Amino acid sequence: MTTTPPRWMRNVLLAAGLYNILWGAFAVLFPGALFTWLNMPQPNYPQFWQCIGMIVGVYGLGYAIAATNPARHWPIVLVGFLGKVFGPLGMAQALWTGALPWPFALNCLTNDLIWWVPFFLILKYAWDQFQNEPANSQRPDEAALLSNAATSTGTTLAALSQQHPVLLVFLRHSGCTFCREAMADLSAARTAITRNGTSLALVHMGTADSFAAFAATYGMEDVPAISDPDRQLYQALGLRRGNLRQLLALSVWCRGLTSFLAGHRPGPMEGDATQMPGVFLIHHGRVVRRFSHTTAAVRPDYAALAQLPSPA
């Protein structure tokens, strides 16, 4: 299946973004206009209506971002779709009880209902892309990619691993609270990792410049890093996208809350939000130890994984 989304998806999200921004700006600048047109009493607190306009406008910015890659930014589309489903439910209850007049329901038509089908189809497309990971037999060649993968220092992974073992850590997208927790853990464990001669290298899905700035906040700007936005290295070493249990199980949410309270705040998403992380120990150009996360919330013992396995 092609990884390039149909053009209409981009156009729909751009249209939704423009509509939301214009509607939000109108509500902020003229909070009483809609009520006047519908012969409704003016709200006692127009600031509440202006706040709603601000929220709708921010959604518009999100849709514009999602338009750059609808499949990758499916969480934005999903949040918008859920709002467009639940909003009319609340409107139906208000109409049924007479709390709002029927003409007010026109808001639901343009704000919500007309977007149901295209947003659903975009989410279906993203799910189809998610399901079409390459089979093991179609994965990129592990040895070849390790041999050719150049780090930010200009040295290949294979060359680094000839000098000493390399603990190769594959990260989730840089906005993920677990990615930020992992960076803090790696920074704290760095001395223990390198004490016995093992070096550290990172694989991420962002750009080299943005990741360098991100790594610097953890004091790891000097650690060799590899930008893998197409996830070729991830796939070569068998790291797949997570399923719903791995990404959204209750245990993941609980661990996410713990991480959040510890100061690892989420940030802008750069990379595939569903990609799972992993840890590999590379020596003499080959993998000698593998650690695959069972959920996105798993917190590895990096110092222990950095030890070469005992000879058989």
C-alpha atoms as a PDB file:
ATOM      1  CA  MET A   1       0.000   0.000   0.000  1.00  0.00           C
ATOM      2  CA  THR A   2       1.282   3.477  -0.845  1.00  0.00           C
ATOM      3  CA  THR A   3       2.490   5.614   2.046  1.00  0.00           C
ATOM      4  CA  THR A   4       1.422   8.825   0.281  1.00  0.00           C
ATOM      5  CA  PRO A   5      -2.094   9.772   1.421  1.00  0.00           C
ATOM      6  CA  PRO A   6      -4.692  10.792  -1.172  1.00  0.00           C
ATOM      7  CA  ARG A   7      -4.580  14.522  -1.795  1.00  0.00           C
ATOM      8  CA  TRP A   8      -8.205  15.002  -0.747  1.00  0.00           C
ATOM      9  CA  MET A   9      -7.249  14.144   2.839  1.00  0.00           C
ATOM     10  CA  ARG A  10      -4.802  17.030   2.977  1.00  0.00           C
ATOM     11  CA  ASN A  11      -7.364  19.343   1.402  1.00  0.00           C
ATOM     12  CA  VAL A  12     -10.083  18.307   3.872  1.00  0.00           C
ATOM     13  CA  LEU A  13      -7.832  18.915   6.870  1.00  0.00           C
ATOM     14  CA  LEU A  14      -6.701  22.270   5.504  1.00  0.00           C
ATOM     15  CA  ALA A  15     -10.342  23.231   4.927  1.00  0.00           C
ATOM     16  CA  ALA A  16     -11.267  22.100   8.444  1.00  0.00           C
ATOM     17  CA  GLY A  17      -8.344  24.066   9.850  1.00  0.00           C
ATOM     18  CA  LEU A  18      -9.292  27.237   7.977  1.00  0.00           C
ATOM     19  CA  TYR A  19     -12.955  26.876   8.973  1.00  0.00           C
ATOM     20  CA  ASN A  20     -12.089  26.409  12.651  1.00  0.00           C
ATOM     21  CA  ILE A  21      -9.707  29.357  12.701  1.00  0.00           C
ATOM     22  CA  LEU A  22     -12.262  31.655  11.046  1.00  0.00           C
ATOM     23  CA  TRP A  23     -15.128  30.436  13.257  1.00  0.00           C
ATOM     24  CA  GLY A  24     -12.984  30.794  16.362  1.00  0.00           C
ATOM     25  CA  ALA A  25     -11.853  34.295  15.408  1.00  0.00           C
ATOM     26  CA  PHE A  26     -15.471  35.324  14.767  1.00  0.00           C
ATOM     27  CA  ALA A  27     -16.568  33.999  18.175  1.00  0.00           C
ATOM     28  CA  VAL A  28     -13.718  35.828  19.912  1.00  0.00           C
ATOM     29  CA  LEU A  29     -14.193  39.147  18.095  1.00  0.00           C
ATOM     30  CA  PHE A  30     -18.002  39.159  17.946  1.00  0.00           C
ATOM     31  CA  PRO A  31     -19.229  36.969  20.821  1.00  0.00           C
ATOM     32  CA  GLY A  32     -22.803  38.242  20.649  1.00  0.00           C
ATOM     33  CA  ALA A  33     -23.375  38.171  16.890  1.00  0.00           C
ATOM     34  CA  LEU A  34     -24.648  34.590  16.584  1.00  0.00           C
ATOM     35  CA  PHE A  35     -27.125  35.074  19.417  1.00  0.00           C
ATOM     36  CA  THR A  36     -28.424  38.258  17.801  1.00  0.00           C
ATOM     37  CA  TRP A  37     -28.969  36.521  14.452  1.00  0.00           C
ATOM     38  CA  LEU A  38     -30.889  33.695  16.131  1.00  0.00           C
ATOM     39  CA  ASN A  39     -32.952  36.068  18.312  1.00  0.00           C
ATOM     40  CA  MET A  40     -31.535  34.481  21.435  1.00  0.00           C
ATOM     41  CA  PRO A  41     -30.756  36.272  24.710  1.00  0.00           C
ATOM     42  CA  GLN A  42     -27.163  37.444  24.926  1.00  0.00           C
ATOM     43  CA  PRO A  43     -25.005  35.266  27.201  1.00  0.00           C
ATOM     44  CA  ASN A  44     -24.375  36.671  30.668  1.00  0.00           C
ATOM     45  CA  TYR A  45     -20.701  35.821  30.349  1.00  0.00           C
ATOM     46  CA  PRO A  46     -19.563  36.396  26.740  1.00  0.00           C
ATOM     47  CA  GLN A  47     -16.035  35.520  27.823  1.00  0.00           C
ATOM     48  CA  PHE A  48     -17.115  31.857  27.999  1.00  0.00           C
ATOM     49  CA  TRP A  49     -18.191  31.999  24.356  1.00  0.00           C
ATOM     50  CA  GLN A  50     -14.899  33.667  23.473  1.00  0.00           C
ATOM     51  CA  CYS A  51     -13.046  30.853  25.236  1.00  0.00           C
ATOM     52  CA  ILE A  52     -14.965  28.329  23.133  1.00  0.00           C
ATOM     53  CA  GLY A  53     -13.919  30.290  20.057  1.00  0.00           C
ATOM     54  CA  MET A  54     -10.300  30.153  21.167  1.00  0.00           C
ATOM     55  CA  ILE A  55     -10.481  26.372  21.657  1.00  0.00           C
ATOM     56  CA  VAL A  56     -12.081  25.881  18.234  1.00  0.00           C
ATOM     57  CA  GLY A  57      -9.364  28.034  16.659  1.00  0.00           C
ATOM     58  CA  VAL A  58      -6.613  25.992  18.309  1.00  0.00           C
ATOM     59  CA  TYR A  59      -8.206  22.840  16.876  1.00  0.00           C
ATOM     60  CA  GLY A  60      -7.881  24.531  13.496  1.00  0.00           C
ATOM     61  CA  LEU A  61      -4.132  24.871  13.940  1.00  0.00           C
ATOM     62  CA  GLY A  62      -4.009  21.174  14.832  1.00  0.00           C
ATOM     63  CA  TYR A  63      -5.865  20.207  11.650  1.00  0.00           C
ATOM     64  CA  ALA A  64      -3.437  22.300   9.593  1.00  0.00           C
ATOM     65  CA  ILE A  65      -0.527  20.422  11.171  1.00  0.00           C
ATOM     66  CA  ALA A  66      -2.265  17.077  10.558  1.00  0.00           C
ATOM     67  CA  ALA A  67      -2.654  18.011   6.885  1.00  0.00           C
ATOM     68  CA  THR A  68       1.117  17.700   6.424  1.00  0.00           C
ATOM     69  CA  ASN A  69       0.861  13.944   7.047  1.00  0.00           C
ATOM     70  CA  PRO A  70      -2.642  12.651   7.891  1.00  0.00           C
ATOM     71  CA  ALA A  71      -1.481   9.106   8.703  1.00  0.00           C
ATOM     72  CA  ARG A  72       1.350  10.172  10.998  1.00  0.00           C
ATOM     73  CA  HIS A  73      -0.771  12.786  12.782  1.00  0.00           C
ATOM     74  CA  TRP A  74      -3.800  10.549  13.254  1.00  0.00           C
ATOM     75  CA  PRO A  75      -4.071  11.381  16.999  1.00  0.00           C
ATOM     76  CA  ILE A  76      -4.978  14.977  16.090  1.00  0.00           C
ATOM     77  CA  VAL A  77      -7.610  13.729  13.643  1.00  0.00           C
ATOM     78  CA  LEU A  78      -8.943  11.274  16.239  1.00  0.00           C
ATOM     79  CA  VAL A  79      -9.335  13.961  18.910  1.00  0.00           C
ATOM     80  CA  GLY A  80     -11.136  16.182  16.407  1.00  0.00           C
ATOM     81  CA  PHE A  81     -13.366  13.320  15.273  1.00  0.00           C
ATOM     82  CA  LEU A  82     -14.357  12.469  18.848  1.00  0.00           C
ATOM     83  CA  GLY A  83     -15.245  16.097  19.487  1.00  0.00           C
ATOM     84  CA  LYS A  84     -17.373  16.135  16.360  1.00  0.00           C
ATOM     85  CA  VAL A  85     -19.200  13.007  17.548  1.00  0.00           C
ATOM     86  CA  PHE A  86     -19.749  13.963  21.184  1.00  0.00           C
ATOM     87  CA  GLY A  87     -20.626  17.598  20.437  1.00  0.00           C
ATOM     88  CA  PRO A  88     -23.848  16.718  18.583  1.00  0.00           C
ATOM     89  CA  LEU A  89     -24.812  14.338  21.396  1.00  0.00           C
ATOM     90  CA  GLY A  90     -24.708  17.216  23.843  1.00  0.00           C
ATOM     91  CA  MET A  91     -26.568  19.400  21.364  1.00  0.00           C
ATOM     92  CA  ALA A  92     -29.287  16.756  20.970  1.00  0.00           C
ATOM     93  CA  GLN A  93     -29.788  16.660  24.726  1.00  0.00           C
ATOM     94  CA  ALA A  94     -30.045  20.470  24.881  1.00  0.00           C
ATOM     95  CA  LEU A  95     -32.558  20.537  22.020  1.00  0.00           C
ATOM     96  CA  TRP A  96     -34.613  17.738  23.573  1.00  0.00           C
ATOM     97  CA  THR A  97     -34.923  19.560  26.885  1.00  0.00           C
ATOM     98  CA  GLY A  98     -35.535  22.923  25.235  1.00  0.00           C
ATOM     99  CA  ALA A  99     -32.389  24.465  26.705  1.00  0.00           C
ATOM    100  CA  LEU A 100     -31.381  25.630  23.215  1.00  0.00           C
ATOM    101  CA  PRO A 101     -33.545  26.592  20.206  1.00  0.00           C
ATOM    102  CA  TRP A 102     -33.480  24.411  17.106  1.00  0.00           C
ATOM    103  CA  PRO A 103     -31.821  27.049  14.861  1.00  0.00           C
ATOM    104  CA  PHE A 104     -28.774  26.838  17.123  1.00  0.00           C
ATOM    105  CA  ALA A 105     -28.261  23.285  15.825  1.00  0.00           C
ATOM    106  CA  LEU A 106     -26.950  24.767  12.567  1.00  0.00           C
ATOM    107  CA  ASN A 107     -23.664  25.040  14.435  1.00  0.00           C
ATOM    108  CA  CYS A 108     -23.525  21.256  14.646  1.00  0.00           C
ATOM    109  CA  LEU A 109     -24.108  20.879  10.935  1.00  0.00           C
ATOM    110  CA  THR A 110     -21.118  22.981   9.899  1.00  0.00           C
ATOM    111  CA  ASN A 111     -18.891  22.389  12.915  1.00  0.00           C
ATOM    112  CA  ASP A 112     -19.405  18.649  13.265  1.00  0.00           C
ATOM    113  CA  LEU A 113     -21.709  16.596  11.064  1.00  0.00           C
ATOM    114  CA  ILE A 114     -20.269  17.433   7.630  1.00  0.00           C
ATOM    115  CA  TRP A 115     -16.824  16.307   8.809  1.00  0.00           C
ATOM    116  CA  TRP A 116     -17.817  12.861  10.097  1.00  0.00           C
ATOM    117  CA  VAL A 117     -17.281  10.906   6.880  1.00  0.00           C
ATOM    118  CA  PRO A 118     -13.967  12.467   5.730  1.00  0.00           C
ATOM    119  CA  PHE A 119     -12.451  12.323   9.219  1.00  0.00           C
ATOM    120  CA  PHE A 120     -13.537   8.686   9.591  1.00  0.00           C
ATOM    121  CA  LEU A 121     -11.989   7.819   6.215  1.00  0.00           C
ATOM    122  CA  ILE A 122      -8.735   9.528   7.192  1.00  0.00           C
ATOM    123  CA  LEU A 123      -8.620   7.486  10.407  1.00  0.00           C
ATOM    124  CA  LYS A 124      -9.369   4.310   8.446  1.00  0.00           C
ATOM    125  CA  TYR A 125      -6.507   5.130   6.077  1.00  0.00           C
ATOM    126  CA  ALA A 126      -4.162   5.654   9.049  1.00  0.00           C
ATOM    127  CA  TRP A 127      -5.261   2.312  10.518  1.00  0.00           C
ATOM    128  CA  ASP A 128      -4.649   0.558   7.193  1.00  0.00           C
ATOM    129  CA  GLN A 129      -1.145   2.047   7.098  1.00  0.00           C
ATOM    130  CA  PHE A 130      -0.626   0.896  10.675  1.00  0.00           C
ATOM    131  CA  GLN A 131      -1.666  -2.657   9.773  1.00  0.00           C
ATOM    132  CA  ASN A 132       0.616  -2.843   6.748  1.00  0.00           C
ATOM    133  CA  GLU A 133       3.978  -3.092   8.461  1.00  0.00           C
ATOM    134  CA  PRO A 134       6.426  -5.141   6.389  1.00  0.00           C
ATOM    135  CA  ALA A 135       6.558  -8.839   7.228  1.00  0.00           C
ATOM    136  CA  ASN A 136       9.774 -10.261   8.653  1.00  0.00           C
ATOM    137  CA  SER A 137      10.800 -11.513   5.214  1.00  0.00           C
ATOM    138  CA  GLN A 138      10.354  -7.996   3.786  1.00  0.00           C
ATOM    139  CA  ARG A 139      12.224  -6.122   6.506  1.00  0.00           C
ATOM    140  CA  PRO A 140      15.354  -4.179   5.544  1.00  0.00           C
ATOM    141  CA  ASP A 141      18.563  -6.121   6.025  1.00  0.00           C
ATOM    142  CA  GLU A 142      19.739  -5.688   9.615  1.00  0.00           C
ATOM    143  CA  ALA A 143      23.449  -6.230   9.031  1.00  0.00           C
ATOM    144  CA  ALA A 144      23.556  -3.975   5.973  1.00  0.00           C
ATOM    145  CA  LEU A 145      21.799  -1.103   7.705  1.00  0.00           C
ATOM    146  CA  LEU A 146      23.968  -1.391  10.809  1.00  0.00           C
ATOM    147  CA  SER A 147      27.013  -1.339   8.568  1.00  0.00           C
ATOM    148  CA  ASN A 148      25.888   1.741   6.639  1.00  0.00           C
ATOM    149  CA  ALA A 149      24.072   3.730   9.335  1.00  0.00           C
ATOM    150  CA  ALA A 150      26.082   6.895   9.949  1.00  0.00           C
ATOM    151  CA  THR A 151      25.813   8.653  13.292  1.00  0.00           C
ATOM    152  CA  SER A 152      25.861  12.392  13.957  1.00  0.00           C
ATOM    153  CA  THR A 153      29.613  12.094  14.587  1.00  0.00           C
ATOM    154  CA  GLY A 154      30.172  10.782  11.047  1.00  0.00           C
ATOM    155  CA  THR A 155      31.115   7.272  12.179  1.00  0.00           C
ATOM    156  CA  THR A 156      28.990   4.253  11.258  1.00  0.00           C
ATOM    157  CA  LEU A 157      27.488   2.011  13.894  1.00  0.00           C
ATOM    158  CA  ALA A 158      29.497  -0.918  12.606  1.00  0.00           C
ATOM    159  CA  ALA A 159      32.746   1.025  12.965  1.00  0.00           C
ATOM    160  CA  LEU A 160      31.836   2.162  16.473  1.00  0.00           C
ATOM    161  CA  SER A 161      31.034  -1.389  17.518  1.00  0.00           C
ATOM    162  CA  GLN A 162      34.417  -2.634  16.282  1.00  0.00           C
ATOM    163  CA  GLN A 163      36.090  -0.380  18.845  1.00  0.00           C
ATOM    164  CA  HIS A 164      33.809  -1.286  21.775  1.00  0.00           C
ATOM    165  CA  PRO A 165      30.269  -2.491  22.429  1.00  0.00           C
ATOM    166  CA  VAL A 166      27.545   0.026  21.593  1.00  0.00           C
ATOM    167  CA  LEU A 167      24.275   0.269  23.508  1.00  0.00           C
ATOM    168  CA  LEU A 168      21.908   1.335  20.744  1.00  0.00           C
ATOM    169  CA  VAL A 169      18.700   2.844  22.140  1.00  0.00           C
ATOM    170  CA  PHE A 170      15.712   3.318  19.844  1.00  0.00           C
ATOM    171  CA  LEU A 171      13.478   6.077  21.179  1.00  0.00           C
ATOM    172  CA  ARG A 172       9.808   6.873  20.837  1.00  0.00           C
ATOM    173  CA  HIS A 173       8.848  10.227  19.311  1.00  0.00           C
ATOM    174  CA  SER A 174      10.481  13.108  21.166  1.00  0.00           C
ATOM    175  CA  GLY A 175       7.192  14.520  22.479  1.00  0.00           C
ATOM    176  CA  CYS A 176       6.328  11.316  24.333  1.00  0.00           C
ATOM    177  CA  THR A 177       6.627  11.454  28.119  1.00  0.00           C
ATOM    178  CA  PHE A 178       8.282   8.009  28.041  1.00  0.00           C
ATOM    179  CA  CYS A 179      10.889   9.200  25.526  1.00  0.00           C
ATOM    180  CA  ARG A 180      11.704  12.100  27.825  1.00  0.00           C
ATOM    181  CA  GLU A 181      11.852   9.785  30.805  1.00  0.00           C
ATOM    182  CA  ALA A 182      14.197   7.484  28.850  1.00  0.00           C
ATOM    183  CA  MET A 183      16.505  10.397  28.013  1.00  0.00           C
ATOM    184  CA  ALA A 184      16.656  11.374  31.684  1.00  0.00           C
ATOM    185  CA  ASP A 185      17.316   7.749  32.681  1.00  0.00           C
ATOM    186  CA  LEU A 186      20.067   7.392  30.080  1.00  0.00           C
ATOM    187  CA  SER A 187      21.684  10.616  31.213  1.00  0.00           C
ATOM    188  CA  ALA A 188      21.654   9.386  34.809  1.00  0.00           C
ATOM    189  CA  ALA A 189      22.962   5.922  33.849  1.00  0.00           C
ATOM    190  CA  ARG A 190      25.566   7.138  31.386  1.00  0.00           C
ATOM    191  CA  THR A 191      28.524   6.702  33.735  1.00  0.00           C
ATOM    192  CA  ALA A 192      27.435   3.170  34.642  1.00  0.00           C
ATOM    193  CA  ILE A 193      26.933   2.324  30.953  1.00  0.00           C
ATOM    194  CA  THR A 194      30.368   3.523  29.868  1.00  0.00           C
ATOM    195  CA  ARG A 195      32.272   2.315  32.940  1.00  0.00           C
ATOM    196  CA  ASN A 196      33.079  -1.055  31.340  1.00  0.00           C
ATOM    197  CA  GLY A 197      33.844   0.299  27.896  1.00  0.00           C
ATOM    198  CA  THR A 198      30.376   0.315  26.338  1.00  0.00           C
ATOM    199  CA  SER A 199      29.422   3.445  24.434  1.00  0.00           C
ATOM    200  CA  LEU A 200      25.946   4.860  23.917  1.00  0.00           C
ATOM    201  CA  ALA A 201      24.146   5.704  20.659  1.00  0.00           C
ATOM    202  CA  LEU A 202      20.583   6.882  20.035  1.00  0.00           C
ATOM    203  CA  VAL A 203      18.141   6.367  17.181  1.00  0.00           C
ATOM    204  CA  HIS A 204      15.278   8.830  16.769  1.00  0.00           C
ATOM    205  CA  MET A 205      12.648   9.811  14.195  1.00  0.00           C
ATOM    206  CA  GLY A 206      13.212  13.568  14.176  1.00  0.00           C
ATOM    207  CA  THR A 207      15.579  15.815  12.266  1.00  0.00           C
ATOM    208  CA  ALA A 208      19.223  15.951  13.266  1.00  0.00           C
ATOM    209  CA  ASP A 209      19.038  19.608  14.324  1.00  0.00           C
ATOM    210  CA  SER A 210      15.882  19.339  16.392  1.00  0.00           C
ATOM    211  CA  PHE A 211      17.123  16.202  18.145  1.00  0.00           C
ATOM    212  CA  ALA A 212      20.479  17.810  18.927  1.00  0.00           C
ATOM    213  CA  ALA A 213      18.647  20.628  20.713  1.00  0.00           C
ATOM    214  CA  PHE A 214      16.405  18.098  22.463  1.00  0.00           C
ATOM    215  CA  ALA A 215      19.353  15.941  23.584  1.00  0.00           C
ATOM    216  CA  ALA A 216      21.176  19.017  24.878  1.00  0.00           C
ATOM    217  CA  THR A 217      18.452  19.541  27.487  1.00  0.00           C
ATOM    218  CA  TYR A 218      19.571  16.226  28.993  1.00  0.00           C
ATOM    219  CA  GLY A 219      23.290  16.903  28.621  1.00  0.00           C
ATOM    220  CA  MET A 220      23.610  14.303  25.859  1.00  0.00           C
ATOM    221  CA  GLU A 221      24.271  16.459  22.810  1.00  0.00           C
ATOM    222  CA  ASP A 222      27.617  14.680  22.360  1.00  0.00           C
ATOM    223  CA  VAL A 223      26.083  11.183  22.180  1.00  0.00           C
ATOM    224  CA  PRO A 224      26.164   9.729  18.632  1.00  0.00           C
ATOM    225  CA  ALA A 225      22.663   9.838  17.177  1.00  0.00           C
ATOM    226  CA  ILE A 226      20.971   8.570  14.023  1.00  0.00           C
ATOM    227  CA  SER A 227      17.968  10.232  12.418  1.00  0.00           C
ATOM    228  CA  ASP A 228      15.592   7.558  11.084  1.00  0.00           C
ATOM    229  CA  PRO A 229      12.341   9.346  10.096  1.00  0.00           C
ATOM    230  CA  ASP A 230      11.380   6.535   7.704  1.00  0.00           C
ATOM    231  CA  ARG A 231      11.908   3.978  10.490  1.00  0.00           C
ATOM    232  CA  GLN A 232      14.147   1.741   8.367  1.00  0.00           C
ATOM    233  CA  LEU A 233      16.476   0.889  11.238  1.00  0.00           C
ATOM    234  CA  TYR A 234      13.515   0.391  13.562  1.00  0.00           C
ATOM    235  CA  GLN A 235      12.011  -2.094  11.114  1.00  0.00           C
ATOM    236  CA  ALA A 236      15.327  -3.804  10.377  1.00  0.00           C
ATOM    237  CA  LEU A 237      15.746  -4.663  14.047  1.00  0.00           C
ATOM    238  CA  GLY A 238      12.155  -5.851  14.360  1.00  0.00           C
ATOM    239  CA  LEU A 239      10.672  -2.848  16.176  1.00  0.00           C
ATOM    240  CA  ARG A 240       7.096  -2.385  15.043  1.00  0.00           C
ATOM    241  CA  ARG A 241       4.286   0.013  15.698  1.00  0.00           C
ATOM    242  CA  GLY A 242       2.502  -0.656  18.964  1.00  0.00           C
ATOM    243  CA  ASN A 243      -1.003  -2.034  19.194  1.00  0.00           C
ATOM    244  CA  LEU A 244      -3.758  -0.498  21.324  1.00  0.00           C
ATOM    245  CA  ARG A 245      -2.769  -2.508  24.403  1.00  0.00           C
ATOM    246  CA  GLN A 246       0.882  -1.517  24.118  1.00  0.00           C
ATOM    247  CA  LEU A 247       0.068   2.160  23.673  1.00  0.00           C
ATOM    248  CA  LEU A 248      -3.183   2.824  25.530  1.00  0.00           C
ATOM    249  CA  ALA A 249      -3.668   0.158  28.212  1.00  0.00           C
ATOM    250  CA  LEU A 250      -4.635   1.360  31.694  1.00  0.00           C
ATOM    251  CA  SER A 251      -1.185   0.406  32.979  1.00  0.00           C
ATOM    252  CA  VAL A 252       0.379   2.655  30.329  1.00  0.00           C
ATOM    253  CA  TRP A 253      -1.821   5.577  31.374  1.00  0.00           C
ATOM    254  CA  CYS A 254      -0.914   5.020  35.033  1.00  0.00           C
ATOM    255  CA  ARG A 255       2.799   4.914  34.242  1.00  0.00           C
ATOM    256  CA  GLY A 256       2.382   7.970  32.041  1.00  0.00           C
ATOM    257  CA  LEU A 257       0.841   9.866  34.948  1.00  0.00           C
ATOM    258  CA  THR A 258       3.741   8.838  37.177  1.00  0.00           C
ATOM    259  CA  SER A 259       6.221  10.016  34.555  1.00  0.00           C
ATOM    260  CA  PHE A 260       4.311  13.278  34.086  1.00  0.00           C
ATOM    261  CA  LEU A 261       4.301  13.994  37.821  1.00  0.00           C
ATOM    262  CA  ALA A 262       8.048  13.297  37.868  1.00  0.00           C
ATOM    263  CA  GLY A 263       8.499  16.224  35.489  1.00  0.00           C
ATOM    264  CA  HIS A 264       8.584  14.509  32.101  1.00  0.00           C
ATOM    265  CA  ARG A 265       6.038  16.709  30.353  1.00  0.00           C
ATOM    266  CA  PRO A 266       4.840  15.791  26.835  1.00  0.00           C
ATOM    267  CA  GLY A 267       5.978  17.997  23.974  1.00  0.00           C
ATOM    268  CA  PRO A 268       5.489  18.423  20.221  1.00  0.00           C
ATOM    269  CA  MET A 269       5.232  15.103  18.420  1.00  0.00           C
ATOM    270  CA  GLU A 270       8.132  14.507  16.036  1.00  0.00           C
ATOM    271  CA  GLY A 271       7.946  11.035  14.553  1.00  0.00           C
ATOM    272  CA  ASP A 272       5.461   8.203  14.423  1.00  0.00           C
ATOM    273  CA  ALA A 273       3.363   8.285  17.615  1.00  0.00           C
ATOM    274  CA  THR A 274       2.788   4.523  17.460  1.00  0.00           C
ATOM    275  CA  GLN A 275       6.404   3.404  16.990  1.00  0.00           C
ATOM    276  CA  MET A 276       7.664   1.190  19.818  1.00  0.00           C
ATOM    277  CA  PRO A 277      11.128   1.681  21.349  1.00  0.00           C
ATOM    278  CA  GLY A 278      13.845  -0.896  21.925  1.00  0.00           C
ATOM    279  CA  VAL A 279      17.405  -1.425  23.141  1.00  0.00           C
ATOM    280  CA  PHE A 280      20.191  -3.392  21.419  1.00  0.00           C
ATOM    281  CA  LEU A 281      23.781  -4.135  22.305  1.00  0.00           C
ATOM    282  CA  ILE A 282      25.962  -4.122  19.184  1.00  0.00           C
ATOM    283  CA  HIS A 283      29.447  -5.668  19.111  1.00  0.00           C
ATOM    284  CA  HIS A 284      31.661  -6.232  16.069  1.00  0.00           C
ATOM    285  CA  GLY A 285      28.838  -5.184  13.758  1.00  0.00           C
ATOM    286  CA  ARG A 286      26.229  -7.609  15.047  1.00  0.00           C
ATOM    287  CA  VAL A 287      23.492  -7.613  17.675  1.00  0.00           C
ATOM    288  CA  VAL A 288      24.490  -9.556  20.785  1.00  0.00           C
ATOM    289  CA  ARG A 289      21.590  -8.521  23.044  1.00  0.00           C
ATOM    290  CA  ARG A 290      18.032  -7.409  22.318  1.00  0.00           C
ATOM    291  CA  PHE A 291      15.410  -5.818  24.519  1.00  0.00           C
ATOM    292  CA  SER A 292      11.940  -5.153  23.100  1.00  0.00           C
ATOM    293  CA  HIS A 293       9.401  -3.197  25.129  1.00  0.00           C
ATOM    294  CA  THR A 294       6.151  -5.040  25.830  1.00  0.00           C
ATOM    295  CA  THR A 295       4.423  -1.660  26.244  1.00  0.00           C
ATOM    296  CA  ALA A 296       5.461   1.927  25.625  1.00  0.00           C
ATOM    297  CA  ALA A 297       5.685   2.379  29.408  1.00  0.00           C
ATOM    298  CA  VAL A 298       8.410  -0.207  30.122  1.00  0.00           C
ATOM    299  CA  ARG A 299      11.451   1.307  31.853  1.00  0.00           C
ATOM    300  CA  PRO A 300      14.591  -0.733  31.028  1.00  0.00           C
ATOM    301  CA  ASP A 301      17.678  -1.115  33.186  1.00  0.00           C
ATOM    302  CA  TYR A 302      20.089   0.420  30.694  1.00  0.00           C
ATOM    303  CA  ALA A 303      23.211  -0.242  32.753  1.00  0.00           C
ATOM    304  CA  ALA A 304      22.403  -3.964  32.926  1.00  0.00           C
ATOM    305  CA  LEU A 305      21.673  -4.138  29.198  1.00  0.00           C
ATOM    306  CA  ALA A 306      25.040  -2.518  28.453  1.00  0.00           C
ATOM    307  CA  GLN A 307      26.909  -5.576  29.786  1.00  0.00           C
ATOM    308  CA  LEU A 308      28.187  -8.061  27.221  1.00  0.00           C
ATOM    309  CA  PRO A 309      26.504 -11.451  27.690  1.00  0.00           C
ATOM    310  CA  SER A 310      28.652 -14.186  29.194  1.00  0.00           C
ATOM    311  CA  PRO A 311      30.209 -16.573  26.645  1.00  0.00           C
ATOM    312  CA  ALA A 312      28.150 -19.731  26.143  1.00  0.00           C
END
